[in-house]
Amino acid sequence: MHYTEIDTLVPIILAVQEDNDDAVSLMLELFDRDIDYEAKYGQRRIDPDLKQELQIKLIYITKHFDVQKHLAQRSQNLGQKKI
């Protein structure tokens, strides 16, 4: 599965922030193709060290992502477009 195949990442992000191991695994699975692509960039093979670093950064960013702020900005932007 790829992250573009689901409607919203918010429930998964919130579960990752609660240290849910299944959610962490799902997040890594959803972004696996993109991580592999970046870890292989300019090379013939995937660099395992780079892949691991990208996975760590993805989970770090997910854990520190402010979902409430994002949702507030999104609803504010939608409200401005209706005017």
N, C-alpha and C. Protein backbone atom coordinates (compact mmCIF):
# COMPACT_ATOMS: atom_id res chain seq x y z
N MET A 1 0.84 -1.17 0.00
CA MET A 1 0.00 0.00 0.00
C MET A 1 0.89 1.24 0.00
N HIS A 2 0.40 2.29 -0.59
CA HIS A 2 1.12 3.55 -0.69
C HIS A 2 0.27 4.64 -0.05
N TYR A 3 0.90 5.65 0.49
CA TYR A 3 0.16 6.70 1.19
C TYR A 3 -0.85 7.42 0.30
N THR A 4 -0.67 7.38 -1.01
CA THR A 4 -1.61 8.04 -1.90
C THR A 4 -2.91 7.24 -2.06
N GLU A 5 -2.93 6.02 -1.54
CA GLU A 5 -4.10 5.16 -1.66
C GLU A 5 -5.08 5.31 -0.49
N ILE A 6 -4.76 6.17 0.46
CA ILE A 6 -5.66 6.38 1.59
C ILE A 6 -6.07 7.85 1.65
N ASP A 7 -7.20 8.11 2.29
CA ASP A 7 -7.75 9.46 2.32
C ASP A 7 -6.97 10.41 3.22
N THR A 8 -6.61 9.95 4.40
CA THR A 8 -5.92 10.83 5.34
C THR A 8 -4.92 10.05 6.19
N LEU A 9 -3.83 10.70 6.49
CA LEU A 9 -2.81 10.10 7.34
C LEU A 9 -3.00 10.46 8.81
N VAL A 10 -3.96 11.33 9.11
CA VAL A 10 -4.11 11.85 10.47
C VAL A 10 -4.25 10.75 11.52
N PRO A 11 -5.13 9.75 11.34
CA PRO A 11 -5.24 8.72 12.38
C PRO A 11 -3.93 7.93 12.58
N ILE A 12 -3.22 7.72 11.49
CA ILE A 12 -1.95 6.99 11.59
C ILE A 12 -0.92 7.84 12.30
N ILE A 13 -0.86 9.12 11.97
CA ILE A 13 0.08 10.04 12.62
C ILE A 13 -0.19 10.10 14.12
N LEU A 14 -1.45 10.22 14.49
CA LEU A 14 -1.80 10.28 15.91
C LEU A 14 -1.42 8.99 16.63
N ALA A 15 -1.61 7.85 15.98
CA ALA A 15 -1.23 6.57 16.58
C ALA A 15 0.28 6.46 16.72
N VAL A 16 1.03 6.94 15.74
CA VAL A 16 2.50 6.95 15.82
C VAL A 16 2.93 7.82 17.00
N GLN A 17 2.27 8.95 17.18
CA GLN A 17 2.61 9.85 18.28
C GLN A 17 2.32 9.23 19.64
N GLU A 18 1.43 8.23 19.66
CA GLU A 18 1.14 7.50 20.90
C GLU A 18 2.01 6.25 21.04
N ASP A 19 3.03 6.14 20.21
CA ASP A 19 4.00 5.03 20.23
C ASP A 19 3.36 3.67 19.92
N ASN A 20 2.39 3.67 19.02
CA ASN A 20 1.75 2.44 18.58
C ASN A 20 2.67 1.78 17.54
N ASP A 21 3.21 0.62 17.88
CA ASP A 21 4.16 -0.06 16.99
C ASP A 21 3.54 -0.43 15.64
N ASP A 22 2.27 -0.82 15.65
CA ASP A 22 1.61 -1.16 14.39
C ASP A 22 1.50 0.06 13.48
N ALA A 23 1.23 1.21 14.06
CA ALA A 23 1.13 2.45 13.28
C ALA A 23 2.49 2.84 12.72
N VAL A 24 3.54 2.66 13.50
CA VAL A 24 4.89 2.96 13.01
C VAL A 24 5.21 2.05 11.82
N SER A 25 4.90 0.78 11.95
CA SER A 25 5.13 -0.16 10.84
C SER A 25 4.33 0.22 9.61
N LEU A 26 3.08 0.61 9.81
CA LEU A 26 2.23 1.02 8.70
C LEU A 26 2.78 2.28 8.03
N MET A 27 3.22 3.24 8.82
CA MET A 27 3.79 4.47 8.25
C MET A 27 5.02 4.14 7.40
N LEU A 28 5.88 3.29 7.90
CA LEU A 28 7.06 2.89 7.13
C LEU A 28 6.66 2.16 5.85
N GLU A 29 5.63 1.33 5.94
CA GLU A 29 5.15 0.61 4.77
C GLU A 29 4.58 1.57 3.74
N LEU A 30 3.82 2.55 4.19
CA LEU A 30 3.19 3.50 3.27
C LEU A 30 4.21 4.33 2.50
N PHE A 31 5.34 4.61 3.11
CA PHE A 31 6.36 5.45 2.47
C PHE A 31 7.55 4.65 1.96
N ASP A 32 7.46 3.32 1.98
CA ASP A 32 8.59 2.47 1.62
C ASP A 32 9.08 2.72 0.19
N ARG A 33 8.17 2.82 -0.77
CA ARG A 33 8.58 3.07 -2.16
C ARG A 33 9.35 4.37 -2.31
N ASP A 34 8.87 5.41 -1.63
CA ASP A 34 9.53 6.71 -1.72
C ASP A 34 10.89 6.70 -1.04
N ILE A 35 10.95 6.03 0.10
CA ILE A 35 12.23 5.93 0.81
C ILE A 35 13.23 5.14 -0.02
N ASP A 36 12.79 4.01 -0.61
CA ASP A 36 13.68 3.23 -1.48
C ASP A 36 14.17 4.06 -2.65
N TYR A 37 13.27 4.84 -3.25
CA TYR A 37 13.64 5.68 -4.39
C TYR A 37 14.73 6.68 -3.99
N GLU A 38 14.53 7.32 -2.86
CA GLU A 38 15.52 8.32 -2.41
C GLU A 38 16.82 7.66 -1.97
N ALA A 39 16.75 6.48 -1.38
CA ALA A 39 17.95 5.79 -0.92
C ALA A 39 18.75 5.20 -2.08
N LYS A 40 18.13 5.11 -3.24
CA LYS A 40 18.78 4.58 -4.43
C LYS A 40 19.24 5.68 -5.38
N TYR A 41 18.81 6.90 -5.15
CA TYR A 41 19.04 8.00 -6.07
C TYR A 41 20.50 8.08 -6.53
N GLY A 42 20.69 7.99 -7.84
CA GLY A 42 22.03 8.10 -8.43
C GLY A 42 22.88 6.86 -8.28
N GLN A 43 22.32 5.78 -7.78
CA GLN A 43 23.06 4.55 -7.58
C GLN A 43 22.28 3.38 -8.17
N ARG A 44 22.95 2.27 -8.32
CA ARG A 44 22.26 1.08 -8.83
C ARG A 44 21.51 0.33 -7.74
N ARG A 45 22.00 0.45 -6.53
CA ARG A 45 21.40 -0.29 -5.41
C ARG A 45 20.96 0.69 -4.32
N ILE A 46 20.03 0.20 -3.51
CA ILE A 46 19.57 0.98 -2.37
C ILE A 46 20.67 0.98 -1.31
N ASP A 47 21.01 2.15 -0.83
CA ASP A 47 21.99 2.28 0.25
C ASP A 47 21.27 1.98 1.57
N PRO A 48 21.58 0.85 2.22
CA PRO A 48 20.84 0.48 3.44
C PRO A 48 21.01 1.49 4.58
N ASP A 49 22.17 2.12 4.67
CA ASP A 49 22.38 3.11 5.72
C ASP A 49 21.51 4.35 5.48
N LEU A 50 21.45 4.77 4.22
CA LEU A 50 20.62 5.93 3.87
C LEU A 50 19.14 5.60 4.07
N LYS A 51 18.74 4.39 3.70
CA LYS A 51 17.34 3.98 3.89
C LYS A 51 16.97 4.03 5.37
N GLN A 52 17.84 3.50 6.21
CA GLN A 52 17.56 3.51 7.64
C GLN A 52 17.49 4.94 8.17
N GLU A 53 18.37 5.80 7.72
CA GLU A 53 18.36 7.20 8.15
C GLU A 53 17.06 7.89 7.73
N LEU A 54 16.61 7.62 6.52
CA LEU A 54 15.35 8.20 6.04
C LEU A 54 14.16 7.68 6.84
N GLN A 55 14.18 6.41 7.19
CA GLN A 55 13.11 5.84 8.01
C GLN A 55 13.07 6.49 9.39
N ILE A 56 14.24 6.67 9.97
CA ILE A 56 14.33 7.32 11.29
C ILE A 56 13.79 8.75 11.22
N LYS A 57 14.17 9.47 10.17
CA LYS A 57 13.70 10.85 10.01
C LYS A 57 12.20 10.91 9.80
N LEU A 58 11.65 9.97 9.03
CA LEU A 58 10.21 9.94 8.81
C LEU A 58 9.46 9.78 10.13
N ILE A 59 9.90 8.85 10.96
CA ILE A 59 9.22 8.61 12.23
C ILE A 59 9.43 9.80 13.17
N TYR A 60 10.62 10.38 13.18
CA TYR A 60 10.88 11.56 14.02
C TYR A 60 9.95 12.71 13.63
N ILE A 61 9.85 12.98 12.34
CA ILE A 61 9.00 14.06 11.87
C ILE A 61 7.54 13.77 12.19
N THR A 62 7.13 12.53 12.01
CA THR A 62 5.75 12.14 12.31
C THR A 62 5.43 12.36 13.78
N LYS A 63 6.35 11.98 14.65
CA LYS A 63 6.12 12.13 16.09
C LYS A 63 6.04 13.59 16.51
N HIS A 64 6.70 14.47 15.79
CA HIS A 64 6.74 15.89 16.17
C HIS A 64 5.79 16.76 15.34
N PHE A 65 5.04 16.15 14.45
CA PHE A 65 4.12 16.89 13.59
C PHE A 65 2.93 17.37 14.41
N ASP A 66 2.59 18.64 14.29
CA ASP A 66 1.47 19.23 15.02
C ASP A 66 0.19 19.08 14.19
N VAL A 67 -0.53 18.01 14.44
CA VAL A 67 -1.74 17.70 13.68
C VAL A 67 -2.79 18.78 13.87
N GLN A 68 -3.00 19.23 15.10
CA GLN A 68 -4.03 20.24 15.36
C GLN A 68 -3.75 21.54 14.60
N LYS A 69 -2.50 21.96 14.57
CA LYS A 69 -2.13 23.17 13.85
C LYS A 69 -2.39 23.00 12.35
N HIS A 70 -2.04 21.84 11.83
CA HIS A 70 -2.26 21.54 10.41
C HIS A 70 -3.75 21.58 10.07
N LEU A 71 -4.56 20.94 10.91
CA LEU A 71 -6.00 20.91 10.65
C LEU A 71 -6.62 22.31 10.77
N ALA A 72 -6.13 23.11 11.71
CA ALA A 72 -6.63 24.47 11.87
C ALA A 72 -6.29 25.32 10.65
N GLN A 73 -5.06 25.20 10.15
CA GLN A 73 -4.66 25.95 8.96
C GLN A 73 -5.45 25.50 7.75
N ARG A 74 -5.68 24.21 7.65
CA ARG A 74 -6.42 23.67 6.51
C ARG A 74 -7.85 24.19 6.50
N SER A 75 -8.51 24.16 7.66
CA SER A 75 -9.89 24.64 7.72
C SER A 75 -9.94 26.16 7.49
N GLN A 76 -8.94 26.87 7.95
CA GLN A 76 -8.87 28.32 7.72
C GLN A 76 -8.71 28.61 6.23
N ASN A 77 -7.85 27.84 5.56
CA ASN A 77 -7.64 28.03 4.12
C ASN A 77 -8.90 27.69 3.34
N LEU A 78 -9.61 26.65 3.76
CA LEU A 78 -10.85 26.30 3.07
C LEU A 78 -11.90 27.38 3.25
N GLY A 79 -11.94 27.99 4.44
CA GLY A 79 -12.88 29.07 4.72
C GLY A 79 -12.59 30.30 3.88
N GLN A 80 -11.33 30.58 3.64
CA GLN A 80 -10.95 31.75 2.84
C GLN A 80 -11.29 31.57 1.37
N LYS A 81 -11.25 30.35 0.89
CA LYS A 81 -11.54 30.09 -0.52
C LYS A 81 -13.03 30.27 -0.82
N LYS A 82 -13.88 30.09 0.16
CA LYS A 82 -15.32 30.20 -0.06
C LYS A 82 -15.78 31.65 -0.19
N ILE A 83 -14.98 32.59 0.27
CA ILE A 83 -15.37 34.00 0.24
C ILE A 83 -15.33 34.55 -1.16
